[in-house]
Amino acid sequence: MAKLFAPKILNYAAKKTESHFREAFDNQRPFDEQEDENVIINKKPSRKKADSKKVGEYIDFEELD
């Protein structure tokens, strides 16, 4: 019995989804009518990190005779 209703239910759901998307698409304003919006992005200036790599300590070698 469920096999008989499954295609009809899927068809109904597909049509409802299509009508929903079509209605949403039709309600959008055309690109020409959209208001110009100014977008301001405040960005902190990037700081250059100081070279903080510590390789190791310096050892001074002297030659012995």
C-alpha atoms as a PDB file:
ATOM      1  CA  MET A   1       0.000   0.000   0.000  1.00  0.00           C
ATOM      2  CA  ALA A   2       2.865   2.384   0.838  1.00  0.00           C
ATOM      3  CA  LYS A   3       4.376   1.689  -2.577  1.00  0.00           C
ATOM      4  CA  LEU A   4       1.347   3.296  -4.206  1.00  0.00           C
ATOM      5  CA  PHE A   5       1.591   6.565  -2.286  1.00  0.00           C
ATOM      6  CA  ALA A   6       5.365   7.089  -2.323  1.00  0.00           C
ATOM      7  CA  PRO A   7       5.588   8.475  -5.902  1.00  0.00           C
ATOM      8  CA  LYS A   8       2.612  10.768  -5.283  1.00  0.00           C
ATOM      9  CA  ILE A   9       4.106  12.078  -2.040  1.00  0.00           C
ATOM     10  CA  LEU A  10       7.482  12.707  -3.681  1.00  0.00           C
ATOM     11  CA  ASN A  11       5.807  14.442  -6.619  1.00  0.00           C
ATOM     12  CA  TYR A  12       3.804  16.653  -4.238  1.00  0.00           C
ATOM     13  CA  ALA A  13       6.908  17.533  -2.210  1.00  0.00           C
ATOM     14  CA  ALA A  14       8.867  18.378  -5.371  1.00  0.00           C
ATOM     15  CA  LYS A  15       6.104  20.676  -6.633  1.00  0.00           C
ATOM     16  CA  LYS A  16       5.806  22.437  -3.262  1.00  0.00           C
ATOM     17  CA  THR A  17       9.566  22.950  -3.128  1.00  0.00           C
ATOM     18  CA  GLU A  18       9.614  24.287  -6.682  1.00  0.00           C
ATOM     19  CA  SER A  19       6.777  26.723  -5.953  1.00  0.00           C
ATOM     20  CA  HIS A  20       8.531  27.889  -2.793  1.00  0.00           C
ATOM     21  CA  PHE A  21      11.771  28.622  -4.653  1.00  0.00           C
ATOM     22  CA  ARG A  22       9.913  30.233  -7.570  1.00  0.00           C
ATOM     23  CA  GLU A  23       8.020  32.522  -5.175  1.00  0.00           C
ATOM     24  CA  ALA A  24      11.221  33.482  -3.351  1.00  0.00           C
ATOM     25  CA  PHE A  25      12.953  34.188  -6.665  1.00  0.00           C
ATOM     26  CA  ASP A  26      10.081  36.323  -7.978  1.00  0.00           C
ATOM     27  CA  ASN A  27      10.024  38.434  -4.802  1.00  0.00           C
ATOM     28  CA  GLN A  28      13.648  39.532  -5.203  1.00  0.00           C
ATOM     29  CA  ARG A  29      14.345  43.038  -6.397  1.00  0.00           C
ATOM     30  CA  PRO A  30      16.166  43.365  -9.709  1.00  0.00           C
ATOM     31  CA  PHE A  31      19.843  44.251  -9.467  1.00  0.00           C
ATOM     32  CA  ASP A  32      19.230  47.716 -10.931  1.00  0.00           C
ATOM     33  CA  GLU A  33      16.734  48.621  -8.220  1.00  0.00           C
ATOM     34  CA  GLN A  34      18.899  47.584  -5.293  1.00  0.00           C
ATOM     35  CA  GLU A  35      20.159  50.415  -3.139  1.00  0.00           C
ATOM     36  CA  ASP A  36      23.827  51.217  -3.149  1.00  0.00           C
ATOM     37  CA  GLU A  37      25.201  50.224   0.200  1.00  0.00           C
ATOM     38  CA  ASN A  38      28.504  51.500   1.485  1.00  0.00           C
ATOM     39  CA  VAL A  39      30.571  48.817   3.130  1.00  0.00           C
ATOM     40  CA  ILE A  40      33.270  49.908   5.531  1.00  0.00           C
ATOM     41  CA  ILE A  41      35.784  47.386   6.768  1.00  0.00           C
ATOM     42  CA  ASN A  42      37.836  48.498   9.724  1.00  0.00           C
ATOM     43  CA  LYS A  43      40.970  46.445   9.896  1.00  0.00           C
ATOM     44  CA  LYS A  44      43.690  46.687  12.473  1.00  0.00           C
ATOM     45  CA  PRO A  45      47.092  47.404  10.975  1.00  0.00           C
ATOM     46  CA  SER A  46      49.198  44.314  10.896  1.00  0.00           C
ATOM     47  CA  ARG A  47      52.206  44.391  13.156  1.00  0.00           C
ATOM     48  CA  LYS A  48      55.375  42.850  11.933  1.00  0.00           C
ATOM     49  CA  LYS A  49      56.586  40.404  14.494  1.00  0.00           C
ATOM     50  CA  ALA A  50      60.110  40.910  15.689  1.00  0.00           C
ATOM     51  CA  ASP A  51      62.466  38.053  14.926  1.00  0.00           C
ATOM     52  CA  SER A  52      62.172  36.240  18.213  1.00  0.00           C
ATOM     53  CA  LYS A  53      63.817  33.019  17.170  1.00  0.00           C
ATOM     54  CA  LYS A  54      66.297  31.960  19.805  1.00  0.00           C
ATOM     55  CA  VAL A  55      68.720  29.649  18.123  1.00  0.00           C
ATOM     56  CA  GLY A  56      70.947  29.042  21.118  1.00  0.00           C
ATOM     57  CA  GLU A  57      73.731  30.681  23.047  1.00  0.00           C
ATOM     58  CA  TYR A  58      76.927  31.924  21.462  1.00  0.00           C
ATOM     59  CA  ILE A  59      80.131  30.019  22.295  1.00  0.00           C
ATOM     60  CA  ASP A  60      83.508  31.543  21.502  1.00  0.00           C
ATOM     61  CA  PHE A  61      86.209  28.962  20.789  1.00  0.00           C
ATOM     62  CA  GLU A  62      89.887  29.652  21.110  1.00  0.00           C
ATOM     63  CA  GLU A  63      92.570  27.595  19.416  1.00  0.00           C
ATOM     64  CA  LEU A  64      95.100  25.950  21.720  1.00  0.00           C
ATOM     65  CA  ASP A  65      98.656  25.168  20.627  1.00  0.00           C
END
